[in-house]
Amino acid sequence: MLSAMFLLSRLLGFVRQAVINGQIGLGPEADAWFAAFRIPDTLFTLFAGGALISAFIPVFAGLRGEDRAADRRRLFSGVLNLLGMVMIGGSLLAALFAPALMSVMVPGFDPATRDLATEATRYLMLSPLLLGISAVFKGALHAERDFLLPAVGPLLYNAGVIAGALLLVEPLGIIGLAWGTIAGALLHLLIQVPGLRRAGLGWRPALAVRGPGRRVVELMLPRLGGFAVIQLSFFFINYLASLQGPSGVAAFANAWMLLLFPLGILAIPYAEAVLPEFSDLSARGDREGLARATSDSLSYVIFATLPAGLVMIVTGEPLVRVLFERGAFDAAASAATAVVLAALAVGLVGHAAAEILTRVYYSRQDTRRPVLIISASLLLHMLVSWALSGPFAVAGIALGVSIGILVEVVVLYLWLRRLGLDISLGTGTLRVFGASLLAAALAWLGSELLGSVGPTPPIYAAGMLLVLGLAVGAYLGATLAMGLEQPRTLLQMLRSRLGPVAPAG
């Protein structure tokens, strides 16, 4: 059930993006929308996303038993109130200084586009408050082993955004889309209230400044540094993209969203699943076992994402056409998005490998080294993106992101080996690369044969689906014939390991 909801949420996320693109296209209005989303999304990610949840759940779950019920309720309310204060204060400040923030973040926008982004930002500042409260609800319900209602939340969130796009964009422009986003965030919150009532959790006037609440804050603060650096890089991307003319910010945002789909389905759930194993091996001091588990995990994510990246590079434009080209999103928008997607896809396998390698460090209770490495790689990508944005525009920015993540993975890998972990990818990686080239070649050939068909008829979409299916089948068949175990791991993971994810952004 949870796996089905996860997949449905991902698919509905695509529908959401396709509807938005169809309504506002890839021009100045789309630029304003994606720029407006950056500030509230950053506020949510910093204070209510991974940092809070990863700190809150273990402390809350540790207060088990009837004798700790009062402590559990006190912690829930304390964290909720503290987060609410931070979110309200942050939202008010962001709304107040939105014009100045937009002038700094997107200096390339013309005054009308910048004013529209500022107005939309002020409306959207309601969403991080609602989603932040919802994140605490989700964390508490997960600790209570209630996963159903939090899994429904992203579906309602996407439904709210889609409704806003379909019903309110025509009369209100992207402000209508902002209202749909707020409605979706509210639904995401409200659907979890019945679960909280069943768990005996309610609001009370308390702050998380003592006892377990203090521990949550102590665990959360060190993680904020890493999240802040990552968010800073996205601000810099928007800064550079805004200087490339109309559609730069929107093209990058759409391409990034497409890149996250295979990463979110093929790599991140697997990385989350292997963290407990890594932690157990580290706690037992089994260095050989940890090295072997890391090697196996790296081999798997390379197997799962390398062909996806190559296929995105060679068939980017047909993919974007099938997914997004309708309404206001025209052929020029597809071409602009596809070239950015190809540049981002160069680093897809790097993003997947980083998910594994950083968790190896975390399993060893080493958070300092990965934060330093990630910070250095982000600085590198900013420099490279800035240098390449001149000759290659937004695609150069995307290529800088890919170069940065690939360098990050190499450094993470080499530093682990320096720490005594004998990580080896073996000869299977070469076979995976060969099979990936086969899949990419078939996908490219099939898309070229379909090139004579118009981009919008259903036959084109059906043809691309068939082409991709044949490429995937050829890849799985080739790797199975080579005797690799990863295809079986992939099928097993897709059947049993997928779970719900937060809808932020």
Protein backbone atom coordinates (compact mmCIF):
# COMPACT_ATOMS: atom_id res chain seq x y z
CA MET A 1 0.00 0.00 0.00
CA LEU A 2 2.75 2.47 0.95
CA SER A 3 4.76 1.57 -2.14
CA ALA A 4 1.71 2.18 -4.32
CA MET A 5 1.11 5.55 -2.66
CA PHE A 6 4.75 6.51 -3.11
CA LEU A 7 4.63 5.72 -6.82
CA LEU A 8 1.27 7.44 -7.17
CA SER A 9 2.66 10.52 -5.45
CA ARG A 10 5.64 10.58 -7.82
CA LEU A 11 3.37 10.22 -10.84
CA LEU A 12 1.03 12.90 -9.52
CA GLY A 13 4.08 15.11 -9.06
CA PHE A 14 4.76 14.74 -12.78
CA VAL A 15 1.14 15.54 -13.55
CA ARG A 16 1.42 18.60 -11.29
CA GLN A 17 4.50 19.84 -13.12
CA ALA A 18 2.99 19.12 -16.54
CA VAL A 19 -0.17 21.03 -15.65
CA ILE A 20 1.83 23.99 -14.33
CA ASN A 21 3.99 24.03 -17.45
CA GLY A 22 0.95 23.80 -19.69
CA GLN A 23 -0.60 26.79 -17.94
CA ILE A 24 2.39 29.15 -17.65
CA GLY A 25 4.90 27.80 -20.20
CA LEU A 26 8.61 28.59 -19.92
CA GLY A 27 8.68 32.37 -20.10
CA PRO A 28 8.94 35.23 -17.59
CA GLU A 29 5.87 34.09 -15.64
CA ALA A 30 7.41 30.65 -15.13
CA ASP A 31 10.70 32.25 -14.11
CA ALA A 32 8.84 34.32 -11.52
CA TRP A 33 7.06 31.24 -10.17
CA PHE A 34 10.16 29.12 -9.70
CA ALA A 35 12.10 32.03 -8.23
CA ALA A 36 9.26 32.73 -5.81
CA PHE A 37 9.29 29.11 -4.65
CA ARG A 38 12.98 29.23 -3.71
CA ILE A 39 12.67 31.28 -0.49
CA PRO A 40 9.78 29.36 1.17
CA ASP A 41 11.29 26.05 0.07
CA THR A 42 14.60 27.04 1.66
CA LEU A 43 12.90 28.00 4.92
CA PHE A 44 11.09 24.66 5.02
CA THR A 45 14.18 22.64 4.13
CA LEU A 46 16.41 24.34 6.69
CA PHE A 47 14.14 24.15 9.71
CA ALA A 48 11.50 21.49 9.06
CA GLY A 49 12.91 19.15 6.43
CA GLY A 50 15.55 16.51 6.94
CA ALA A 51 17.34 18.27 9.81
CA LEU A 52 14.32 18.38 12.12
CA ILE A 53 12.87 14.99 11.21
CA SER A 54 16.18 13.16 11.54
CA ALA A 55 16.65 14.72 15.00
CA PHE A 56 13.04 14.51 16.22
CA ILE A 57 12.10 10.92 15.35
CA PRO A 58 14.83 9.07 17.32
CA VAL A 59 14.30 11.21 20.44
CA PHE A 60 10.51 10.94 20.22
CA ALA A 61 10.66 7.20 19.53
CA GLY A 62 12.91 6.76 22.57
CA LEU A 63 10.10 7.94 24.84
CA ARG A 64 8.28 4.63 24.59
CA GLY A 65 6.05 3.03 27.18
CA GLU A 66 3.05 4.21 29.17
CA ASP A 67 5.23 5.90 31.79
CA ARG A 68 6.69 8.23 29.14
CA ALA A 69 3.41 9.24 27.49
CA ALA A 70 3.40 12.64 29.20
CA ASP A 71 7.00 13.28 28.13
CA ARG A 72 6.10 12.28 24.58
CA ARG A 73 3.19 14.72 24.49
CA ARG A 74 5.33 17.46 25.99
CA LEU A 75 8.09 16.91 23.44
CA PHE A 76 5.60 16.91 20.55
CA SER A 77 4.08 20.22 21.63
CA GLY A 78 7.43 21.75 22.48
CA VAL A 79 8.94 21.02 19.08
CA LEU A 80 5.73 22.08 17.35
CA ASN A 81 5.64 25.42 19.16
CA LEU A 82 9.33 26.14 18.67
CA LEU A 83 9.12 25.34 14.97
CA GLY A 84 5.97 27.44 14.64
CA MET A 85 7.71 30.45 16.16
CA VAL A 86 10.71 30.03 13.86
CA MET A 87 8.52 29.59 10.78
CA ILE A 88 6.26 32.54 11.58
CA GLY A 89 9.23 34.78 12.26
CA GLY A 90 11.09 33.59 9.17
CA SER A 91 8.02 33.92 6.95
CA LEU A 92 7.28 37.45 8.15
CA LEU A 93 10.88 38.55 7.62
CA ALA A 94 11.01 36.94 4.17
CA ALA A 95 7.73 38.58 3.16
CA LEU A 96 8.91 41.96 4.46
CA PHE A 97 12.27 41.83 2.70
CA ALA A 98 11.08 39.94 -0.40
CA PRO A 99 11.84 42.84 -2.80
CA ALA A 100 15.43 43.10 -1.59
CA LEU A 101 15.88 39.32 -1.60
CA MET A 102 14.62 39.07 -5.17
CA SER A 103 16.89 41.89 -6.32
CA VAL A 104 19.87 39.94 -4.99
CA MET A 105 18.73 36.45 -5.99
CA VAL A 106 17.55 37.12 -9.57
CA PRO A 107 19.23 40.34 -10.75
CA GLY A 108 18.69 39.39 -14.38
CA PHE A 109 14.89 39.60 -14.16
CA ASP A 110 13.20 42.63 -15.68
CA PRO A 111 11.30 44.80 -13.16
CA ALA A 112 7.88 43.35 -14.02
CA THR A 113 9.06 39.74 -13.59
CA ARG A 114 10.86 40.60 -10.35
CA ASP A 115 7.76 42.33 -8.96
CA LEU A 116 5.62 39.32 -9.85
CA ALA A 117 8.11 36.97 -8.15
CA THR A 118 8.07 39.20 -5.07
CA GLU A 119 4.27 39.17 -4.86
CA ALA A 120 4.11 35.39 -5.31
CA THR A 121 6.81 34.92 -2.65
CA ARG A 122 4.73 36.81 -0.10
CA TYR A 123 1.74 34.56 -0.70
CA LEU A 124 3.85 31.41 -0.68
CA MET A 125 5.38 32.21 2.73
CA LEU A 126 2.27 30.63 4.25
CA SER A 127 3.29 27.23 2.87
CA PRO A 128 6.49 26.58 4.92
CA LEU A 129 4.55 27.20 8.14
CA LEU A 130 1.88 24.67 7.15
CA LEU A 131 4.35 22.13 5.76
CA GLY A 132 6.62 22.61 8.78
CA ILE A 133 3.82 21.77 11.20
CA SER A 134 2.90 18.87 8.94
CA ALA A 135 6.50 17.62 9.07
CA VAL A 136 6.30 17.40 12.87
CA PHE A 137 2.99 15.56 12.54
CA LYS A 138 4.61 13.16 10.08
CA GLY A 139 7.62 12.56 12.32
CA ALA A 140 5.42 11.80 15.32
CA LEU A 141 3.20 9.42 13.35
CA HIS A 142 6.22 7.63 11.88
CA ALA A 143 7.61 7.17 15.39
CA GLU A 144 4.20 5.71 16.34
CA ARG A 145 4.50 3.34 13.34
CA ASP A 146 1.59 5.05 11.57
CA PHE A 147 2.67 5.50 7.95
CA LEU A 148 -0.64 5.59 6.10
CA LEU A 149 -1.86 9.14 6.71
CA PRO A 150 1.58 10.74 6.14
CA ALA A 151 1.69 8.83 2.84
CA VAL A 152 -1.65 10.33 1.77
CA GLY A 153 -0.43 13.87 2.49
CA PRO A 154 1.75 14.28 -0.63
CA LEU A 155 -1.15 13.16 -2.82
CA LEU A 156 -3.38 15.88 -1.40
CA TYR A 157 -0.59 18.44 -1.66
CA ASN A 158 -0.12 17.69 -5.36
CA ALA A 159 -3.89 17.69 -5.87
CA GLY A 160 -4.14 21.16 -4.33
CA VAL A 161 -1.42 22.55 -6.60
CA ILE A 162 -3.03 20.95 -9.67
CA ALA A 163 -6.42 22.43 -8.75
CA GLY A 164 -4.86 25.85 -8.35
CA ALA A 165 -3.15 25.55 -11.73
CA LEU A 166 -6.31 24.45 -13.53
CA LEU A 167 -8.84 26.72 -11.83
CA LEU A 168 -7.02 29.84 -10.67
CA VAL A 169 -4.11 30.52 -13.04
CA GLU A 170 -6.33 31.90 -15.80
CA PRO A 171 -7.98 34.57 -13.61
CA LEU A 172 -5.10 35.20 -11.17
CA GLY A 173 -1.90 34.12 -12.92
CA ILE A 174 0.76 32.53 -10.73
CA ILE A 175 -0.91 34.03 -7.65
CA GLY A 176 -3.67 31.49 -8.26
CA LEU A 177 -1.00 28.81 -8.36
CA ALA A 178 0.28 30.09 -5.01
CA TRP A 179 -3.19 29.75 -3.51
CA GLY A 180 -3.37 26.18 -4.81
CA THR A 181 -0.03 25.45 -3.16
CA ILE A 182 -1.25 26.85 0.15
CA ALA A 183 -4.42 24.76 -0.10
CA GLY A 184 -2.36 21.65 -0.81
CA ALA A 185 -0.10 22.34 2.17
CA LEU A 186 -3.15 22.77 4.41
CA LEU A 187 -4.61 19.47 3.20
CA HIS A 188 -1.24 17.80 3.79
CA LEU A 189 -1.44 18.96 7.40
CA LEU A 190 -5.11 18.26 8.11
CA ILE A 191 -5.11 14.66 6.83
CA GLN A 192 -2.72 13.69 9.63
CA VAL A 193 -4.79 15.13 12.50
CA PRO A 194 -6.93 11.97 13.00
CA GLY A 195 -3.76 9.92 13.43
CA LEU A 196 -2.48 12.31 16.08
CA ARG A 197 -5.76 12.02 17.97
CA ARG A 198 -5.51 8.23 17.93
CA ALA A 199 -1.97 8.50 19.29
CA GLY A 200 -3.12 10.82 22.08
CA LEU A 201 -1.04 13.73 20.83
CA GLY A 202 -2.38 17.25 21.07
CA TRP A 203 -1.22 20.81 21.39
CA ARG A 204 -0.18 22.39 24.68
CA PRO A 205 1.72 25.62 25.50
CA ALA A 206 5.25 24.32 25.93
CA LEU A 207 8.62 24.98 24.33
CA ALA A 208 11.35 22.46 23.43
CA VAL A 209 14.05 24.02 25.60
CA ARG A 210 14.60 21.35 28.25
CA GLY A 211 15.11 17.61 28.46
CA PRO A 212 14.28 15.69 25.26
CA GLY A 213 13.36 18.90 23.44
CA ARG A 214 16.79 20.32 24.11
CA ARG A 215 18.28 17.10 22.75
CA VAL A 216 16.30 17.50 19.50
CA VAL A 217 17.67 21.02 19.07
CA GLU A 218 21.22 19.83 19.83
CA LEU A 219 20.96 17.10 17.20
CA MET A 220 19.35 19.40 14.66
CA LEU A 221 21.74 22.37 14.78
CA PRO A 222 24.85 20.63 13.35
CA ARG A 223 22.82 19.36 10.41
CA LEU A 224 21.67 22.87 9.51
CA GLY A 225 25.14 23.75 8.24
CA GLY A 226 25.05 21.13 5.50
CA PHE A 227 21.51 22.03 4.47
CA ALA A 228 22.38 25.74 4.46
CA VAL A 229 25.32 25.22 2.12
CA ILE A 230 23.17 23.20 -0.29
CA GLN A 231 20.43 25.84 -0.28
CA LEU A 232 23.04 28.53 -0.88
CA SER A 233 24.08 26.70 -4.04
CA PHE A 234 20.47 26.78 -5.31
CA PHE A 235 20.30 30.52 -4.69
CA PHE A 236 23.49 30.88 -6.69
CA ILE A 237 22.04 28.77 -9.51
CA ASN A 238 18.99 31.04 -9.65
CA TYR A 239 21.30 34.07 -9.62
CA LEU A 240 23.27 32.82 -12.62
CA ALA A 241 20.21 31.47 -14.47
CA SER A 242 18.40 34.80 -14.18
CA LEU A 243 21.29 36.44 -16.05
CA GLN A 244 20.80 34.13 -19.04
CA GLY A 245 17.58 35.79 -20.17
CA PRO A 246 13.92 34.72 -20.00
CA SER A 247 13.22 31.05 -19.17
CA GLY A 248 16.64 30.38 -17.62
CA VAL A 249 15.38 29.83 -14.08
CA ALA A 250 12.36 27.81 -15.24
CA ALA A 251 14.40 25.61 -17.60
CA PHE A 252 16.79 24.63 -14.82
CA ALA A 253 13.93 23.99 -12.37
CA ASN A 254 12.12 21.70 -14.81
CA ALA A 255 15.28 19.80 -15.71
CA TRP A 256 16.21 19.37 -12.05
CA MET A 257 12.75 18.00 -11.28
CA LEU A 258 13.15 15.42 -14.07
CA LEU A 259 16.56 14.40 -12.74
CA LEU A 260 15.13 13.83 -9.27
CA PHE A 261 12.65 11.24 -10.55
CA PRO A 262 15.12 8.36 -11.18
CA LEU A 263 17.19 9.48 -8.20
CA GLY A 264 14.16 9.40 -5.91
CA ILE A 265 12.97 6.00 -7.10
CA LEU A 266 16.18 4.11 -7.81
CA ALA A 267 18.78 5.47 -5.37
CA ILE A 268 17.46 7.37 -2.35
CA PRO A 269 15.09 4.64 -1.03
CA TYR A 270 17.91 2.11 -1.34
CA ALA A 271 20.35 4.42 0.47
CA GLU A 272 17.86 4.90 3.29
CA ALA A 273 17.35 1.15 3.51
CA VAL A 274 21.06 0.29 3.85
CA LEU A 275 21.86 2.91 6.52
CA PRO A 276 20.81 0.63 9.42
CA GLU A 277 23.07 -2.11 8.05
CA PHE A 278 25.96 0.34 7.73
CA SER A 279 25.35 1.54 11.30
CA ASP A 280 25.25 -1.99 12.69
CA LEU A 281 28.50 -2.95 10.95
CA SER A 282 30.18 0.24 12.17
CA ALA A 283 28.98 -0.30 15.74
CA ARG A 284 30.43 -3.83 15.71
CA GLY A 285 33.71 -2.58 14.30
CA ASP A 286 33.36 -4.87 11.28
CA ARG A 287 35.47 -2.86 8.85
CA GLU A 288 35.60 -5.60 6.23
CA GLY A 289 31.85 -6.09 6.37
CA LEU A 290 31.25 -2.35 6.04
CA ALA A 291 33.61 -2.14 3.06
CA ARG A 292 31.85 -5.08 1.41
CA ALA A 293 28.38 -3.62 2.05
CA THR A 294 29.51 -0.24 0.71
CA SER A 295 30.97 -1.85 -2.41
CA ASP A 296 27.75 -3.78 -3.04
CA SER A 297 25.62 -0.66 -2.52
CA LEU A 298 27.76 1.44 -4.84
CA SER A 299 27.60 -1.27 -7.48
CA TYR A 300 23.82 -1.31 -7.22
CA VAL A 301 23.26 2.46 -7.54
CA ILE A 302 25.69 2.62 -10.46
CA PHE A 303 23.77 -0.22 -12.10
CA ALA A 304 20.44 1.54 -11.50
CA THR A 305 21.33 5.12 -12.46
CA LEU A 306 24.10 4.96 -15.07
CA PRO A 307 21.78 3.81 -17.89
CA ALA A 308 19.11 6.28 -16.77
CA GLY A 309 21.62 9.12 -17.04
CA LEU A 310 22.83 8.06 -20.48
CA VAL A 311 19.27 7.66 -21.76
CA MET A 312 18.39 11.14 -20.48
CA ILE A 313 21.39 12.56 -22.33
CA VAL A 314 20.52 11.04 -25.70
CA THR A 315 16.70 11.26 -25.54
CA GLY A 316 16.21 14.37 -23.42
CA GLU A 317 14.16 16.36 -25.90
CA PRO A 318 11.71 13.55 -26.79
CA LEU A 319 11.24 12.85 -23.06
CA VAL A 320 10.49 16.48 -22.30
CA ARG A 321 8.10 16.64 -25.26
CA VAL A 322 6.10 13.66 -24.04
CA LEU A 323 5.98 14.83 -20.44
CA PHE A 324 5.52 18.59 -20.75
CA GLU A 325 4.83 19.83 -24.30
CA ARG A 326 1.24 20.99 -24.24
CA GLY A 327 -0.61 24.24 -23.75
CA ALA A 328 1.77 27.15 -23.17
CA PHE A 329 4.80 24.82 -23.05
CA ASP A 330 5.90 24.75 -26.70
CA ALA A 331 8.67 23.11 -28.75
CA ALA A 332 11.15 25.87 -27.91
CA ALA A 333 10.51 25.27 -24.21
CA SER A 334 11.14 21.54 -24.71
CA ALA A 335 14.43 22.20 -26.46
CA ALA A 336 15.58 24.65 -23.78
CA THR A 337 14.75 22.22 -20.97
CA ALA A 338 16.27 19.20 -22.74
CA VAL A 339 19.74 20.70 -23.12
CA VAL A 340 19.83 21.53 -19.41
CA LEU A 341 18.58 18.03 -18.56
CA ALA A 342 21.37 16.47 -20.61
CA ALA A 343 23.98 18.48 -18.71
CA LEU A 344 22.46 17.54 -15.35
CA ALA A 345 22.18 13.87 -16.34
CA VAL A 346 25.97 13.71 -16.67
CA GLY A 347 26.07 13.80 -12.88
CA LEU A 348 23.12 11.50 -12.11
CA VAL A 349 25.29 8.55 -11.13
CA GLY A 350 27.33 10.91 -8.96
CA HIS A 351 24.27 12.08 -7.04
CA ALA A 352 23.29 8.44 -6.47
CA ALA A 353 26.76 7.40 -5.30
CA ALA A 354 26.92 10.38 -2.94
CA GLU A 355 23.73 9.16 -1.24
CA ILE A 356 25.53 5.92 -0.39
CA LEU A 357 28.93 7.31 0.56
CA THR A 358 27.66 10.05 2.86
CA ARG A 359 25.63 7.46 4.77
CA VAL A 360 28.78 5.42 5.32
CA TYR A 361 30.28 8.43 7.09
CA TYR A 362 27.09 8.97 9.10
CA SER A 363 27.09 5.31 10.16
CA ARG A 364 30.54 5.94 11.65
CA GLN A 365 29.11 9.00 13.49
CA ASP A 366 31.34 11.18 11.33
CA THR A 367 29.41 14.24 10.18
CA ARG A 368 32.34 16.66 9.97
CA ARG A 369 34.13 15.14 6.98
CA PRO A 370 31.11 14.84 4.65
CA VAL A 371 30.01 18.41 5.46
CA LEU A 372 33.50 19.68 4.63
CA ILE A 373 33.65 17.67 1.40
CA ILE A 374 30.14 18.68 0.34
CA SER A 375 30.89 22.34 1.07
CA ALA A 376 34.10 22.21 -0.98
CA SER A 377 32.37 20.47 -3.90
CA LEU A 378 29.56 23.03 -3.88
CA LEU A 379 32.11 25.83 -3.99
CA LEU A 380 33.73 24.08 -6.94
CA HIS A 381 30.42 23.72 -8.77
CA MET A 382 29.66 27.41 -8.20
CA LEU A 383 32.99 28.41 -9.71
CA VAL A 384 32.64 26.02 -12.66
CA SER A 385 29.00 26.98 -13.23
CA TRP A 386 29.95 30.65 -13.25
CA ALA A 387 32.77 29.99 -15.73
CA LEU A 388 30.61 27.85 -18.05
CA SER A 389 27.50 30.03 -17.91
CA GLY A 390 29.13 32.48 -20.30
CA PRO A 391 29.71 30.15 -23.26
CA PHE A 392 26.95 27.60 -22.53
CA ALA A 393 24.26 29.61 -20.69
CA VAL A 394 21.99 27.53 -18.41
CA ALA A 395 23.43 24.26 -19.71
CA GLY A 396 26.83 25.45 -18.49
CA ILE A 397 25.39 26.04 -15.02
CA ALA A 398 23.96 22.51 -15.04
CA LEU A 399 27.25 21.04 -16.23
CA GLY A 400 28.99 22.79 -13.33
CA VAL A 401 26.58 21.04 -10.95
CA SER A 402 27.46 17.68 -12.52
CA ILE A 403 31.20 18.30 -12.34
CA GLY A 404 30.89 19.33 -8.70
CA ILE A 405 29.00 16.19 -7.64
CA LEU A 406 31.35 13.87 -9.54
CA VAL A 407 34.37 15.44 -7.83
CA GLU A 408 32.56 15.16 -4.49
CA VAL A 409 32.02 11.43 -4.98
CA VAL A 410 35.66 10.84 -5.87
CA VAL A 411 36.82 12.66 -2.73
CA LEU A 412 34.27 10.88 -0.50
CA TYR A 413 35.42 7.55 -1.94
CA LEU A 414 39.15 8.22 -1.63
CA TRP A 415 38.82 9.54 1.92
CA LEU A 416 36.96 6.40 2.99
CA ARG A 417 39.76 4.29 1.55
CA ARG A 418 42.24 6.45 3.43
CA LEU A 419 40.29 5.67 6.61
CA GLY A 420 40.86 1.97 5.99
CA LEU A 421 37.75 0.89 4.08
CA ASP A 422 38.82 -1.27 1.14
CA ILE A 423 35.94 -0.32 -1.18
CA SER A 424 36.05 -1.96 -4.60
CA LEU A 425 33.63 -1.82 -7.50
CA GLY A 426 35.03 -4.88 -9.25
CA THR A 427 34.77 -5.74 -12.93
CA GLY A 428 30.98 -5.65 -12.91
CA THR A 429 31.01 -1.88 -13.36
CA LEU A 430 32.58 -2.23 -16.80
CA ARG A 431 29.86 -4.68 -17.82
CA VAL A 432 27.21 -2.30 -16.50
CA PHE A 433 28.76 0.50 -18.55
CA GLY A 434 28.65 -1.64 -21.69
CA ALA A 435 25.02 -2.61 -21.12
CA SER A 436 24.18 1.05 -20.40
CA LEU A 437 25.67 2.09 -23.73
CA LEU A 438 23.50 -0.56 -25.42
CA ALA A 439 20.36 0.76 -23.73
CA ALA A 440 21.22 4.37 -24.60
CA ALA A 441 21.94 3.46 -28.22
CA LEU A 442 18.60 1.67 -28.56
CA ALA A 443 16.76 4.57 -26.94
CA TRP A 444 18.47 7.09 -29.23
CA LEU A 445 17.78 5.02 -32.35
CA GLY A 446 14.14 4.55 -31.41
CA SER A 447 13.65 8.25 -30.67
CA GLU A 448 15.23 9.16 -34.02
CA LEU A 449 12.85 6.81 -35.84
CA LEU A 450 9.97 8.54 -34.08
CA GLY A 451 11.30 11.95 -35.07
CA SER A 452 9.11 12.14 -38.15
CA VAL A 453 5.98 11.93 -35.98
CA GLY A 454 4.62 15.15 -34.49
CA PRO A 455 5.47 15.77 -30.85
CA THR A 456 1.95 15.99 -29.48
CA PRO A 457 -0.09 13.07 -30.90
CA PRO A 458 -0.69 10.12 -28.55
CA ILE A 459 1.12 7.86 -31.00
CA TYR A 460 4.36 9.73 -30.30
CA ALA A 461 4.00 9.27 -26.54
CA ALA A 462 3.11 5.61 -26.99
CA GLY A 463 6.09 5.17 -29.29
CA MET A 464 8.49 6.73 -26.77
CA LEU A 465 7.06 4.52 -24.03
CA LEU A 466 7.69 1.49 -26.22
CA VAL A 467 11.21 2.65 -27.05
CA LEU A 468 12.09 3.16 -23.39
CA GLY A 469 10.55 -0.18 -22.49
CA LEU A 470 12.67 -1.94 -25.10
CA ALA A 471 15.80 -0.14 -23.87
CA VAL A 472 15.10 -1.15 -20.26
CA GLY A 473 14.36 -4.72 -21.33
CA ALA A 474 17.57 -4.92 -23.33
CA TYR A 475 19.56 -3.54 -20.40
CA LEU A 476 18.09 -5.95 -17.86
CA GLY A 477 18.48 -8.85 -20.27
CA ALA A 478 22.11 -7.98 -20.99
CA THR A 479 23.04 -7.60 -17.33
CA LEU A 480 21.27 -10.83 -16.38
CA ALA A 481 23.07 -12.63 -19.19
CA MET A 482 26.33 -11.26 -17.80
CA GLY A 483 25.55 -12.90 -14.46
CA LEU A 484 25.14 -9.69 -12.47
CA GLU A 485 23.08 -9.75 -9.27
CA GLN A 486 21.99 -6.12 -9.41
CA PRO A 487 18.90 -6.69 -11.60
CA ARG A 488 17.44 -8.96 -8.93
CA THR A 489 18.31 -6.40 -6.24
CA LEU A 490 16.55 -3.69 -8.23
CA LEU A 491 13.37 -5.73 -8.67
CA GLN A 492 13.34 -6.69 -5.00
CA MET A 493 13.85 -3.07 -3.92
CA LEU A 494 11.06 -1.82 -6.16
CA ARG A 495 8.71 -4.42 -4.69
CA SER A 496 9.47 -3.93 -1.02
CA ARG A 497 11.65 -0.96 -0.15
CA LEU A 498 9.87 2.08 -1.56
CA GLY A 499 8.25 4.39 0.96
CA PRO A 500 6.69 7.86 1.19
CA VAL A 501 8.66 11.07 0.83
CA ALA A 502 7.96 14.66 1.82
CA PRO A 503 6.41 16.90 -0.79
CA ALA A 504 8.47 20.03 -0.25
CA GLY A 505 9.11 21.90 -3.44
